[in-house]
Amino acid sequence: METVYGKLRQHGLVRPTQGRVLGGVVAGLGQRFGIDPWPARLLFALILLAIPGTQILIYPILWILMPAEAAVAPSERDASIA
């Protein structure tokens, strides 16, 4: 049985290691849907303002459920460049 992390990672929902402001949740959502981080943050804030109080629940839950992007080891990075 796959874990929640595995399913989210399979669908491309990961928190990037670079470009984070707080937890990287919105940057990861933007990355998944092909939006730059700052417009994604603005859109996320506008959506959450439309439904007051949801940001208290949604952001921490996504922060817990979304896996961090796996860091590439230096040897793997060098092999991919060659």
PDB file of N, CA and C in Angstrom:
ATOM      1  N   MET A   1       0.838  -1.184   0.000  1.00  0.00           N
ATOM      2  CA  MET A   1       0.000   0.000   0.000  1.00  0.00           C
ATOM      3  C   MET A   1       0.875   1.236   0.000  1.00  0.00           C
ATOM      4  N   GLU A   2       0.616   2.151  -0.932  1.00  0.00           N
ATOM      5  CA  GLU A   2       1.399   3.376  -1.028  1.00  0.00           C
ATOM      6  C   GLU A   2       1.042   4.341   0.085  1.00  0.00           C
ATOM      7  N   THR A   3       2.019   5.100   0.494  1.00  0.00           N
ATOM      8  CA  THR A   3       1.774   6.109   1.515  1.00  0.00           C
ATOM      9  C   THR A   3       1.251   7.378   0.868  1.00  0.00           C
ATOM     10  N   VAL A   4       0.788   8.289   1.697  1.00  0.00           N
ATOM     11  CA  VAL A   4       0.323   9.585   1.199  1.00  0.00           C
ATOM     12  C   VAL A   4       1.476  10.311   0.521  1.00  0.00           C
ATOM     13  N   TYR A   5       2.668  10.247   1.118  1.00  0.00           N
ATOM     14  CA  TYR A   5       3.838  10.903   0.531  1.00  0.00           C
ATOM     15  C   TYR A   5       4.132  10.357  -0.863  1.00  0.00           C
ATOM     16  N   GLY A   6       4.050   9.060  -1.012  1.00  0.00           N
ATOM     17  CA  GLY A   6       4.318   8.441  -2.307  1.00  0.00           C
ATOM     18  C   GLY A   6       3.322   8.871  -3.370  1.00  0.00           C
ATOM     19  N   LYS A   7       2.057   8.942  -2.997  1.00  0.00           N
ATOM     20  CA  LYS A   7       1.030   9.356  -3.964  1.00  0.00           C
ATOM     21  C   LYS A   7       1.203  10.815  -4.357  1.00  0.00           C
ATOM     22  N   LEU A   8       1.486  11.673  -3.381  1.00  0.00           N
ATOM     23  CA  LEU A   8       1.694  13.083  -3.695  1.00  0.00           C
ATOM     24  C   LEU A   8       2.939  13.274  -4.545  1.00  0.00           C
ATOM     25  N   ARG A   9       4.011  12.543  -4.207  1.00  0.00           N
ATOM     26  CA  ARG A   9       5.245  12.638  -4.996  1.00  0.00           C
ATOM     27  C   ARG A   9       5.008  12.142  -6.416  1.00  0.00           C
ATOM     28  N   GLN A  10       4.209  11.091  -6.566  1.00  0.00           N
ATOM     29  CA  GLN A  10       3.899  10.539  -7.882  1.00  0.00           C
ATOM     30  C   GLN A  10       3.160  11.556  -8.745  1.00  0.00           C
ATOM     31  N   HIS A  11       2.327  12.375  -8.125  1.00  0.00           N
ATOM     32  CA  HIS A  11       1.573  13.392  -8.858  1.00  0.00           C
ATOM     33  C   HIS A  11       2.327  14.718  -8.966  1.00  0.00           C
ATOM     34  N   GLY A  12       3.556  14.756  -8.481  1.00  0.00           N
ATOM     35  CA  GLY A  12       4.380  15.946  -8.606  1.00  0.00           C
ATOM     36  C   GLY A  12       4.152  16.993  -7.540  1.00  0.00           C
ATOM     37  N   LEU A  13       3.474  16.645  -6.475  1.00  0.00           N
ATOM     38  CA  LEU A  13       3.227  17.592  -5.394  1.00  0.00           C
ATOM     39  C   LEU A  13       4.292  17.419  -4.311  1.00  0.00           C
ATOM     40  N   VAL A  14       5.367  18.182  -4.434  1.00  0.00           N
ATOM     41  CA  VAL A  14       6.451  18.157  -3.454  1.00  0.00           C
ATOM     42  C   VAL A  14       6.812  19.591  -3.089  1.00  0.00           C
ATOM     43  N   ARG A  15       7.366  19.756  -1.893  1.00  0.00           N
ATOM     44  CA  ARG A  15       7.837  21.065  -1.452  1.00  0.00           C
ATOM     45  C   ARG A  15       9.278  21.223  -1.914  1.00  0.00           C
ATOM     46  N   PRO A  16       9.567  22.187  -2.793  1.00  0.00           N
ATOM     47  CA  PRO A  16      10.930  22.340  -3.312  1.00  0.00           C
ATOM     48  C   PRO A  16      11.907  22.764  -2.216  1.00  0.00           C
ATOM     49  N   THR A  17      13.172  22.422  -2.404  1.00  0.00           N
ATOM     50  CA  THR A  17      14.184  22.794  -1.422  1.00  0.00           C
ATOM     51  C   THR A  17      14.643  24.231  -1.617  1.00  0.00           C
ATOM     52  N   GLN A  18      14.453  24.786  -2.797  1.00  0.00           N
ATOM     53  CA  GLN A  18      14.843  26.167  -3.074  1.00  0.00           C
ATOM     54  C   GLN A  18      13.612  26.987  -3.419  1.00  0.00           C
ATOM     55  N   GLY A  19      13.641  28.265  -3.066  1.00  0.00           N
ATOM     56  CA  GLY A  19      12.531  29.152  -3.388  1.00  0.00           C
ATOM     57  C   GLY A  19      11.418  29.143  -2.361  1.00  0.00           C
ATOM     58  N   ARG A  20      11.676  28.577  -1.195  1.00  0.00           N
ATOM     59  CA  ARG A  20      10.669  28.543  -0.145  1.00  0.00           C
ATOM     60  C   ARG A  20      10.575  29.899   0.544  1.00  0.00           C
ATOM     61  N   VAL A  21       9.387  30.246   1.010  1.00  0.00           N
ATOM     62  CA  VAL A  21       9.228  31.408   1.866  1.00  0.00           C
ATOM     63  C   VAL A  21       8.966  30.927   3.282  1.00  0.00           C
ATOM     64  N   LEU A  22       8.054  30.023   3.454  1.00  0.00           N
ATOM     65  CA  LEU A  22       7.781  29.466   4.777  1.00  0.00           C
ATOM     66  C   LEU A  22       8.052  27.963   4.729  1.00  0.00           C
ATOM     67  N   GLY A  23       7.125  27.209   4.211  1.00  0.00           N
ATOM     68  CA  GLY A  23       7.300  25.760   4.161  1.00  0.00           C
ATOM     69  C   GLY A  23       7.470  25.225   2.756  1.00  0.00           C
ATOM     70  N   GLY A  24       7.248  26.053   1.758  1.00  0.00           N
ATOM     71  CA  GLY A  24       7.377  25.610   0.383  1.00  0.00           C
ATOM     72  C   GLY A  24       6.117  24.997  -0.193  1.00  0.00           C
ATOM     73  N   VAL A  25       5.016  25.093   0.535  1.00  0.00           N
ATOM     74  CA  VAL A  25       3.771  24.467   0.083  1.00  0.00           C
ATOM     75  C   VAL A  25       3.264  25.121  -1.197  1.00  0.00           C
ATOM     76  N   VAL A  26       3.141  26.434  -1.197  1.00  0.00           N
ATOM     77  CA  VAL A  26       2.582  27.119  -2.362  1.00  0.00           C
ATOM     78  C   VAL A  26       3.566  27.097  -3.528  1.00  0.00           C
ATOM     79  N   ALA A  27       4.859  27.154  -3.240  1.00  0.00           N
ATOM     80  CA  ALA A  27       5.862  27.021  -4.304  1.00  0.00           C
ATOM     81  C   ALA A  27       5.743  25.645  -4.960  1.00  0.00           C
ATOM     82  N   GLY A  28       5.499  24.624  -4.162  1.00  0.00           N
ATOM     83  CA  GLY A  28       5.312  23.273  -4.697  1.00  0.00           C
ATOM     84  C   GLY A  28       4.041  23.151  -5.516  1.00  0.00           C
ATOM     85  N   LEU A  29       2.967  23.780  -5.048  1.00  0.00           N
ATOM     86  CA  LEU A  29       1.715  23.766  -5.812  1.00  0.00           C
ATOM     87  C   LEU A  29       1.895  24.502  -7.139  1.00  0.00           C
ATOM     88  N   GLY A  30       2.573  25.644  -7.082  1.00  0.00           N
ATOM     89  CA  GLY A  30       2.829  26.400  -8.304  1.00  0.00           C
ATOM     90  C   GLY A  30       3.691  25.620  -9.275  1.00  0.00           C
ATOM     91  N   GLN A  31       4.708  24.955  -8.756  1.00  0.00           N
ATOM     92  CA  GLN A  31       5.588  24.140  -9.588  1.00  0.00           C
ATOM     93  C   GLN A  31       4.801  23.024 -10.255  1.00  0.00           C
ATOM     94  N   ARG A  32       3.904  22.410  -9.527  1.00  0.00           N
ATOM     95  CA  ARG A  32       3.099  21.306 -10.061  1.00  0.00           C
ATOM     96  C   ARG A  32       2.191  21.757 -11.189  1.00  0.00           C
ATOM     97  N   PHE A  33       1.609  22.955 -11.043  1.00  0.00           N
ATOM     98  CA  PHE A  33       0.659  23.447 -12.035  1.00  0.00           C
ATOM     99  C   PHE A  33       1.274  24.421 -13.031  1.00  0.00           C
ATOM    100  N   GLY A  34       2.604  24.575 -13.011  1.00  0.00           N
ATOM    101  CA  GLY A  34       3.300  25.387 -14.002  1.00  0.00           C
ATOM    102  C   GLY A  34       3.160  26.883 -13.795  1.00  0.00           C
ATOM    103  N   ILE A  35       3.052  27.318 -12.547  1.00  0.00           N
ATOM    104  CA  ILE A  35       2.928  28.736 -12.232  1.00  0.00           C
ATOM    105  C   ILE A  35       4.167  29.136 -11.438  1.00  0.00           C
ATOM    106  N   ASP A  36       4.695  30.343 -11.702  1.00  0.00           N
ATOM    107  CA  ASP A  36       5.811  30.846 -10.911  1.00  0.00           C
ATOM    108  C   ASP A  36       5.386  30.978  -9.454  1.00  0.00           C
ATOM    109  N   PRO A  37       6.336  30.910  -8.521  1.00  0.00           N
ATOM    110  CA  PRO A  37       5.973  30.932  -7.092  1.00  0.00           C
ATOM    111  C   PRO A  37       5.202  32.177  -6.642  1.00  0.00           C
ATOM    112  N   TRP A  38       5.611  33.377  -7.038  1.00  0.00           N
ATOM    113  CA  TRP A  38       4.931  34.571  -6.522  1.00  0.00           C
ATOM    114  C   TRP A  38       3.500  34.711  -7.018  1.00  0.00           C
ATOM    115  N   PRO A  39       3.212  34.506  -8.300  1.00  0.00           N
ATOM    116  CA  PRO A  39       1.796  34.524  -8.700  1.00  0.00           C
ATOM    117  C   PRO A  39       0.987  33.406  -8.036  1.00  0.00           C
ATOM    118  N   ALA A  40       1.619  32.255  -7.798  1.00  0.00           N
ATOM    119  CA  ALA A  40       0.927  31.156  -7.122  1.00  0.00           C
ATOM    120  C   ALA A  40       0.594  31.550  -5.692  1.00  0.00           C
ATOM    121  N   ARG A  41       1.522  32.229  -5.026  1.00  0.00           N
ATOM    122  CA  ARG A  41       1.269  32.693  -3.650  1.00  0.00           C
ATOM    123  C   ARG A  41       0.132  33.696  -3.610  1.00  0.00           C
ATOM    124  N   LEU A  42       0.128  34.614  -4.567  1.00  0.00           N
ATOM    125  CA  LEU A  42      -0.947  35.607  -4.634  1.00  0.00           C
ATOM    126  C   LEU A  42      -2.291  34.927  -4.884  1.00  0.00           C
ATOM    127  N   LEU A  43      -2.334  34.006  -5.812  1.00  0.00           N
ATOM    128  CA  LEU A  43      -3.566  33.279  -6.102  1.00  0.00           C
ATOM    129  C   LEU A  43      -4.032  32.472  -4.888  1.00  0.00           C
ATOM    130  N   PHE A  44      -3.104  31.817  -4.203  1.00  0.00           N
ATOM    131  CA  PHE A  44      -3.426  31.037  -3.005  1.00  0.00           C
ATOM    132  C   PHE A  44      -4.014  31.948  -1.933  1.00  0.00           C
ATOM    133  N   ALA A  45      -3.406  33.112  -1.735  1.00  0.00           N
ATOM    134  CA  ALA A  45      -3.903  34.062  -0.728  1.00  0.00           C
ATOM    135  C   ALA A  45      -5.292  34.572  -1.095  1.00  0.00           C
ATOM    136  N   LEU A  46      -5.510  34.868  -2.367  1.00  0.00           N
ATOM    137  CA  LEU A  46      -6.828  35.356  -2.795  1.00  0.00           C
ATOM    138  C   LEU A  46      -7.908  34.294  -2.616  1.00  0.00           C
ATOM    139  N   ILE A  47      -7.581  33.065  -2.930  1.00  0.00           N
ATOM    140  CA  ILE A  47      -8.547  31.974  -2.749  1.00  0.00           C
ATOM    141  C   ILE A  47      -8.873  31.788  -1.272  1.00  0.00           C
ATOM    142  N   LEU A  48      -7.848  31.838  -0.435  1.00  0.00           N
ATOM    143  CA  LEU A  48      -8.080  31.655   0.988  1.00  0.00           C
ATOM    144  C   LEU A  48      -8.827  32.832   1.613  1.00  0.00           C
ATOM    145  N   LEU A  49      -8.658  34.036   1.050  1.00  0.00           N
ATOM    146  CA  LEU A  49      -9.412  35.185   1.543  1.00  0.00           C
ATOM    147  C   LEU A  49     -10.891  35.073   1.184  1.00  0.00           C
ATOM    148  N   ALA A  50     -11.173  34.385   0.091  1.00  0.00           N
ATOM    149  CA  ALA A  50     -12.567  34.207  -0.328  1.00  0.00           C
ATOM    150  C   ALA A  50     -13.317  33.300   0.648  1.00  0.00           C
ATOM    151  N   ILE A  51     -12.585  32.405   1.296  1.00  0.00           N
ATOM    152  CA  ILE A  51     -13.186  31.490   2.277  1.00  0.00           C
ATOM    153  C   ILE A  51     -12.445  31.706   3.594  1.00  0.00           C
ATOM    154  N   PRO A  52     -12.872  32.670   4.421  1.00  0.00           N
ATOM    155  CA  PRO A  52     -12.128  33.031   5.634  1.00  0.00           C
ATOM    156  C   PRO A  52     -11.933  31.859   6.599  1.00  0.00           C
ATOM    157  N   GLY A  53     -10.747  31.826   7.183  1.00  0.00           N
ATOM    158  CA  GLY A  53     -10.435  30.808   8.179  1.00  0.00           C
ATOM    159  C   GLY A  53      -9.819  29.541   7.628  1.00  0.00           C
ATOM    160  N   THR A  54      -9.908  29.329   6.330  1.00  0.00           N
ATOM    161  CA  THR A  54      -9.389  28.083   5.769  1.00  0.00           C
ATOM    162  C   THR A  54      -7.871  28.023   5.784  1.00  0.00           C
ATOM    163  N   GLN A  55      -7.199  29.190   5.734  1.00  0.00           N
ATOM    164  CA  GLN A  55      -5.746  29.170   5.718  1.00  0.00           C
ATOM    165  C   GLN A  55      -5.175  28.580   6.997  1.00  0.00           C
ATOM    166  N   ILE A  56      -5.918  28.672   8.076  1.00  0.00           N
ATOM    167  CA  ILE A  56      -5.461  28.100   9.340  1.00  0.00           C
ATOM    168  C   ILE A  56      -5.442  26.578   9.252  1.00  0.00           C
ATOM    169  N   LEU A  57      -6.302  25.997   8.446  1.00  0.00           N
ATOM    170  CA  LEU A  57      -6.366  24.540   8.289  1.00  0.00           C
ATOM    171  C   LEU A  57      -5.579  24.035   7.080  1.00  0.00           C
ATOM    172  N   ILE A  58      -5.759  24.669   5.937  1.00  0.00           N
ATOM    173  CA  ILE A  58      -5.228  24.133   4.692  1.00  0.00           C
ATOM    174  C   ILE A  58      -3.709  24.154   4.627  1.00  0.00           C
ATOM    175  N   TYR A  59      -3.077  25.302   4.926  1.00  0.00           N
ATOM    176  CA  TYR A  59      -1.629  25.395   4.783  1.00  0.00           C
ATOM    177  C   TYR A  59      -0.892  24.413   5.692  1.00  0.00           C
ATOM    178  N   PRO A  60      -1.202  24.345   7.002  1.00  0.00           N
ATOM    179  CA  PRO A  60      -0.487  23.374   7.843  1.00  0.00           C
ATOM    180  C   PRO A  60      -0.725  21.920   7.437  1.00  0.00           C
ATOM    181  N   ILE A  61      -1.931  21.609   6.997  1.00  0.00           N
ATOM    182  CA  ILE A  61      -2.211  20.235   6.569  1.00  0.00           C
ATOM    183  C   ILE A  61      -1.383  19.889   5.336  1.00  0.00           C
ATOM    184  N   LEU A  62      -1.330  20.809   4.361  1.00  0.00           N
ATOM    185  CA  LEU A  62      -0.513  20.568   3.173  1.00  0.00           C
ATOM    186  C   LEU A  62       0.967  20.498   3.533  1.00  0.00           C
ATOM    187  N   TRP A  63       1.397  21.310   4.488  1.00  0.00           N
ATOM    188  CA  TRP A  63       2.794  21.306   4.912  1.00  0.00           C
ATOM    189  C   TRP A  63       3.169  19.941   5.492  1.00  0.00           C
ATOM    190  N   ILE A  64       2.260  19.350   6.230  1.00  0.00           N
ATOM    191  CA  ILE A  64       2.510  18.038   6.827  1.00  0.00           C
ATOM    192  C   ILE A  64       2.441  16.929   5.773  1.00  0.00           C
ATOM    193  N   LEU A  65       1.473  17.014   4.875  1.00  0.00           N
ATOM    194  CA  LEU A  65       1.253  15.931   3.918  1.00  0.00           C
ATOM    195  C   LEU A  65       2.194  15.956   2.717  1.00  0.00           C
ATOM    196  N   MET A  66       2.601  17.145   2.255  1.00  0.00           N
ATOM    197  CA  MET A  66       3.455  17.217   1.067  1.00  0.00           C
ATOM    198  C   MET A  66       4.889  16.867   1.435  1.00  0.00           C
ATOM    199  N   PRO A  67       5.480  15.897   0.736  1.00  0.00           N
ATOM    200  CA  PRO A  67       6.866  15.533   1.035  1.00  0.00           C
ATOM    201  C   PRO A  67       7.830  16.593   0.508  1.00  0.00           C
ATOM    202  N   ALA A  68       8.974  16.683   1.159  1.00  0.00           N
ATOM    203  CA  ALA A  68      10.014  17.590   0.685  1.00  0.00           C
ATOM    204  C   ALA A  68      10.647  16.988  -0.566  1.00  0.00           C
ATOM    205  N   GLU A  69      11.065  17.856  -1.456  1.00  0.00           N
ATOM    206  CA  GLU A  69      11.724  17.418  -2.677  1.00  0.00           C
ATOM    207  C   GLU A  69      13.037  16.745  -2.309  1.00  0.00           C
ATOM    208  N   ALA A  70      13.296  15.608  -2.879  1.00  0.00           N
ATOM    209  CA  ALA A  70      14.519  14.867  -2.573  1.00  0.00           C
ATOM    210  C   ALA A  70      15.716  15.617  -3.129  1.00  0.00           C
ATOM    211  N   ALA A  71      16.698  15.795  -2.298  1.00  0.00           N
ATOM    212  CA  ALA A  71      17.925  16.452  -2.733  1.00  0.00           C
ATOM    213  C   ALA A  71      18.745  15.476  -3.574  1.00  0.00           C
ATOM    214  N   VAL A  72      19.334  15.976  -4.625  1.00  0.00           N
ATOM    215  CA  VAL A  72      20.148  15.146  -5.504  1.00  0.00           C
ATOM    216  C   VAL A  72      21.563  15.110  -4.945  1.00  0.00           C
ATOM    217  N   ALA A  73      22.106  13.923  -4.808  1.00  0.00           N
ATOM    218  CA  ALA A  73      23.473  13.763  -4.312  1.00  0.00           C
ATOM    219  C   ALA A  73      24.450  14.344  -5.321  1.00  0.00           C
ATOM    220  N   PRO A  74      25.595  14.905  -4.875  1.00  0.00           N
ATOM    221  CA  PRO A  74      26.567  15.511  -5.800  1.00  0.00           C
ATOM    222  C   PRO A  74      27.029  14.562  -6.890  1.00  0.00           C
ATOM    223  N   SER A  75      27.226  13.280  -6.568  1.00  0.00           N
ATOM    224  CA  SER A  75      27.682  12.331  -7.586  1.00  0.00           C
ATOM    225  C   SER A  75      26.619  12.114  -8.657  1.00  0.00           C
ATOM    226  N   GLU A  76      25.328  12.107  -8.264  1.00  0.00           N
ATOM    227  CA  GLU A  76      24.253  11.951  -9.236  1.00  0.00           C
ATOM    228  C   GLU A  76      24.142  13.195 -10.114  1.00  0.00           C
ATOM    229  N   ARG A  77      24.341  14.376  -9.514  1.00  0.00           N
ATOM    230  CA  ARG A  77      24.254  15.631 -10.261  1.00  0.00           C
ATOM    231  C   ARG A  77      25.375  15.682 -11.303  1.00  0.00           C
ATOM    232  N   ASP A  78      26.596  15.277 -10.926  1.00  0.00           N
ATOM    233  CA  ASP A  78      27.713  15.279 -11.849  1.00  0.00           C
ATOM    234  C   ASP A  78      27.499  14.294 -12.987  1.00  0.00           C
ATOM    235  N   ALA A  79      26.897  13.150 -12.684  1.00  0.00           N
ATOM    236  CA  ALA A  79      26.643  12.140 -13.712  1.00  0.00           C
ATOM    237  C   ALA A  79      25.595  12.626 -14.709  1.00  0.00           C
ATOM    238  N   SER A  80      24.615  13.418 -14.246  1.00  0.00           N
ATOM    239  CA  SER A  80      23.579  13.887 -15.151  1.00  0.00           C
ATOM    240  C   SER A  80      24.094  15.005 -16.057  1.00  0.00           C
ATOM    241  N   ILE A  81      25.122  15.728 -15.621  1.00  0.00           N
ATOM    242  CA  ILE A  81      25.685  16.805 -16.436  1.00  0.00           C
ATOM    243  C   ILE A  81      26.527  16.237 -17.561  1.00  0.00           C
ATOM    244  N   ALA A  82      27.243  15.154 -17.285  1.00  0.00           N
ATOM    245  CA  ALA A  82      28.161  14.569 -18.275  1.00  0.00           C
ATOM    246  C   ALA A  82      27.445  13.922 -19.424  1.00  0.00           C
TER     247      ALA A  82
END
